[in-house]
Amino acid sequence: MHGFACDFIAPKFGNSLAIVNKIKESGILVDQCIMEGTWTHISFDPQMRQKFMTATFMNGKAIYTDFD
């Protein structure tokens, strides 16, 4: 509702795993960065929690785990 987040792909940077790794290593301040299947979710909510996660989908529901 506030426009703090988006889902995206960036084929020139690689798959979702590669993108999340590059963002995490870059030191860019984020609220959340989530590997969600074939796309990446990123949020710049003012909380800036630096949460990096992986979404696993089961029965149409996403389960989020911390990204190592």
N, C-alpha and C. Protein backbone atom coordinates (compact mmCIF):
# COMPACT_ATOMS: atom_id res chain seq x y z
N MET A 1 0.81 -1.19 0.00
CA MET A 1 0.00 0.00 0.00
C MET A 1 0.86 1.27 0.00
N HIS A 2 2.08 1.16 0.52
CA HIS A 2 2.95 2.32 0.56
C HIS A 2 4.05 2.27 -0.51
N GLY A 3 4.12 1.17 -1.24
CA GLY A 3 5.11 1.06 -2.30
C GLY A 3 6.52 0.78 -1.83
N PHE A 4 6.66 0.13 -0.68
CA PHE A 4 7.98 -0.19 -0.14
C PHE A 4 8.58 -1.46 -0.74
N ALA A 5 7.78 -2.26 -1.47
CA ALA A 5 8.25 -3.58 -1.90
C ALA A 5 7.91 -3.85 -3.35
N CYS A 6 8.64 -4.82 -3.91
CA CYS A 6 8.31 -5.29 -5.25
C CYS A 6 8.84 -6.71 -5.44
N ASP A 7 8.26 -7.41 -6.38
CA ASP A 7 8.74 -8.72 -6.82
C ASP A 7 9.38 -8.49 -8.19
N PHE A 8 10.52 -9.12 -8.43
CA PHE A 8 11.20 -8.88 -9.70
C PHE A 8 12.06 -10.07 -10.11
N ILE A 9 12.43 -10.07 -11.37
CA ILE A 9 13.43 -10.99 -11.90
C ILE A 9 14.51 -10.13 -12.55
N ALA A 10 15.70 -10.65 -12.63
CA ALA A 10 16.81 -9.93 -13.26
C ALA A 10 17.72 -10.96 -13.92
N PRO A 11 17.30 -11.49 -15.07
CA PRO A 11 18.03 -12.58 -15.72
C PRO A 11 19.51 -12.31 -15.94
N LYS A 12 19.92 -11.09 -16.16
CA LYS A 12 21.34 -10.80 -16.37
C LYS A 12 22.16 -10.97 -15.10
N PHE A 13 21.50 -10.95 -13.94
CA PHE A 13 22.19 -11.16 -12.67
C PHE A 13 22.11 -12.60 -12.21
N GLY A 14 21.25 -13.40 -12.83
CA GLY A 14 21.11 -14.81 -12.47
C GLY A 14 19.73 -15.13 -11.91
N ASN A 15 19.64 -16.31 -11.32
CA ASN A 15 18.36 -16.74 -10.75
C ASN A 15 18.12 -16.07 -9.40
N SER A 16 16.99 -16.39 -8.79
CA SER A 16 16.62 -15.76 -7.53
C SER A 16 17.67 -15.99 -6.44
N LEU A 17 18.24 -17.18 -6.38
CA LEU A 17 19.28 -17.47 -5.39
C LEU A 17 20.49 -16.55 -5.57
N ALA A 18 20.94 -16.40 -6.80
CA ALA A 18 22.09 -15.54 -7.09
C ALA A 18 21.79 -14.09 -6.75
N ILE A 19 20.57 -13.65 -7.05
CA ILE A 19 20.19 -12.26 -6.78
C ILE A 19 20.19 -11.98 -5.29
N VAL A 20 19.57 -12.88 -4.51
CA VAL A 20 19.52 -12.68 -3.05
C VAL A 20 20.94 -12.67 -2.48
N ASN A 21 21.78 -13.58 -2.94
CA ASN A 21 23.17 -13.61 -2.47
C ASN A 21 23.88 -12.29 -2.78
N LYS A 22 23.70 -11.77 -3.99
CA LYS A 22 24.37 -10.53 -4.38
C LYS A 22 23.88 -9.34 -3.56
N ILE A 23 22.60 -9.29 -3.30
CA ILE A 23 22.05 -8.20 -2.49
C ILE A 23 22.57 -8.30 -1.06
N LYS A 24 22.58 -9.52 -0.52
CA LYS A 24 23.06 -9.72 0.86
C LYS A 24 24.53 -9.33 0.98
N GLU A 25 25.35 -9.74 0.03
CA GLU A 25 26.79 -9.44 0.06
C GLU A 25 27.08 -7.97 -0.18
N SER A 26 26.17 -7.26 -0.84
CA SER A 26 26.41 -5.87 -1.21
C SER A 26 26.34 -4.90 -0.04
N GLY A 27 25.64 -5.29 1.01
CA GLY A 27 25.47 -4.39 2.14
C GLY A 27 24.33 -3.40 1.95
N ILE A 28 23.57 -3.54 0.87
CA ILE A 28 22.41 -2.67 0.65
C ILE A 28 21.45 -2.86 1.82
N LEU A 29 20.96 -1.78 2.39
CA LEU A 29 20.01 -1.87 3.49
C LEU A 29 18.63 -2.21 2.94
N VAL A 30 18.05 -3.29 3.45
CA VAL A 30 16.71 -3.73 3.06
C VAL A 30 15.92 -4.07 4.31
N ASP A 31 14.62 -4.12 4.15
CA ASP A 31 13.81 -4.66 5.24
C ASP A 31 13.76 -6.17 5.07
N GLN A 32 13.31 -6.63 3.89
CA GLN A 32 13.26 -8.05 3.59
C GLN A 32 13.74 -8.29 2.16
N CYS A 33 14.41 -9.42 1.97
CA CYS A 33 14.78 -9.88 0.64
C CYS A 33 14.50 -11.38 0.65
N ILE A 34 13.58 -11.80 -0.22
CA ILE A 34 13.09 -13.18 -0.16
C ILE A 34 13.24 -13.87 -1.52
N MET A 35 13.86 -15.03 -1.50
CA MET A 35 13.93 -15.89 -2.68
C MET A 35 12.60 -16.61 -2.76
N GLU A 36 11.78 -16.27 -3.75
CA GLU A 36 10.45 -16.85 -3.88
C GLU A 36 10.32 -17.54 -5.23
N GLY A 37 10.79 -18.76 -5.30
CA GLY A 37 10.69 -19.50 -6.55
C GLY A 37 11.54 -18.87 -7.63
N THR A 38 10.90 -18.45 -8.72
CA THR A 38 11.64 -17.90 -9.85
C THR A 38 11.78 -16.38 -9.77
N TRP A 39 11.29 -15.77 -8.74
CA TRP A 39 11.39 -14.33 -8.58
C TRP A 39 11.95 -13.97 -7.22
N THR A 40 12.31 -12.71 -7.06
CA THR A 40 12.85 -12.19 -5.80
C THR A 40 11.91 -11.11 -5.29
N HIS A 41 11.67 -11.13 -3.99
CA HIS A 41 10.87 -10.09 -3.34
C HIS A 41 11.84 -9.23 -2.54
N ILE A 42 11.69 -7.92 -2.65
CA ILE A 42 12.52 -7.02 -1.86
C ILE A 42 11.65 -5.92 -1.27
N SER A 43 11.94 -5.58 -0.02
CA SER A 43 11.18 -4.55 0.68
C SER A 43 12.14 -3.55 1.29
N PHE A 44 11.77 -2.29 1.18
CA PHE A 44 12.54 -1.21 1.79
C PHE A 44 11.70 -0.49 2.84
N ASP A 45 10.87 -1.26 3.54
CA ASP A 45 10.07 -0.72 4.63
C ASP A 45 11.01 -0.02 5.61
N PRO A 46 10.60 1.07 6.23
CA PRO A 46 11.48 1.80 7.14
C PRO A 46 12.04 0.98 8.31
N GLN A 47 11.47 -0.18 8.61
CA GLN A 47 12.00 -1.00 9.71
C GLN A 47 13.42 -1.47 9.44
N MET A 48 13.76 -1.68 8.17
CA MET A 48 15.10 -2.11 7.74
C MET A 48 15.66 -3.23 8.63
N ARG A 49 14.93 -4.34 8.69
CA ARG A 49 15.30 -5.47 9.56
C ARG A 49 16.42 -6.34 9.01
N GLN A 50 16.82 -6.12 7.77
CA GLN A 50 17.86 -6.95 7.14
C GLN A 50 17.50 -8.44 7.21
N LYS A 51 16.25 -8.77 6.86
CA LYS A 51 15.78 -10.15 6.86
C LYS A 51 15.98 -10.73 5.47
N PHE A 52 16.72 -11.82 5.38
CA PHE A 52 16.92 -12.55 4.14
C PHE A 52 16.30 -13.92 4.33
N MET A 53 15.34 -14.27 3.45
CA MET A 53 14.58 -15.50 3.64
C MET A 53 14.38 -16.25 2.33
N THR A 54 13.96 -17.50 2.50
CA THR A 54 13.56 -18.35 1.39
C THR A 54 12.11 -18.72 1.60
N ALA A 55 11.31 -18.63 0.55
CA ALA A 55 9.91 -19.04 0.62
C ALA A 55 9.80 -20.42 -0.02
N THR A 56 9.18 -21.33 0.70
CA THR A 56 8.87 -22.67 0.18
C THR A 56 7.36 -22.78 0.14
N PHE A 57 6.83 -23.19 -0.99
CA PHE A 57 5.39 -23.24 -1.15
C PHE A 57 4.87 -24.67 -0.94
N MET A 58 3.91 -24.82 -0.02
CA MET A 58 3.29 -26.11 0.27
C MET A 58 1.79 -25.91 0.32
N ASN A 59 1.09 -26.67 -0.52
CA ASN A 59 -0.37 -26.58 -0.59
C ASN A 59 -0.85 -25.15 -0.81
N GLY A 60 -0.13 -24.42 -1.64
CA GLY A 60 -0.52 -23.06 -1.98
C GLY A 60 -0.18 -22.02 -0.92
N LYS A 61 0.52 -22.42 0.13
CA LYS A 61 0.86 -21.49 1.20
C LYS A 61 2.38 -21.37 1.30
N ALA A 62 2.86 -20.16 1.52
CA ALA A 62 4.29 -19.92 1.62
C ALA A 62 4.76 -20.13 3.06
N ILE A 63 5.88 -20.84 3.19
CA ILE A 63 6.54 -21.01 4.48
C ILE A 63 7.91 -20.34 4.35
N TYR A 64 8.20 -19.41 5.25
CA TYR A 64 9.43 -18.63 5.17
C TYR A 64 10.46 -19.12 6.17
N THR A 65 11.68 -19.31 5.67
CA THR A 65 12.79 -19.69 6.54
C THR A 65 13.92 -18.70 6.31
N ASP A 66 14.72 -18.51 7.35
CA ASP A 66 15.86 -17.60 7.22
C ASP A 66 16.85 -18.12 6.19
N PHE A 67 17.41 -17.22 5.44
CA PHE A 67 18.36 -17.52 4.38
C PHE A 67 19.76 -17.46 4.98
N ASP A 68 20.52 -18.49 4.78
CA ASP A 68 21.90 -18.53 5.31
C ASP A 68 22.88 -18.03 4.31
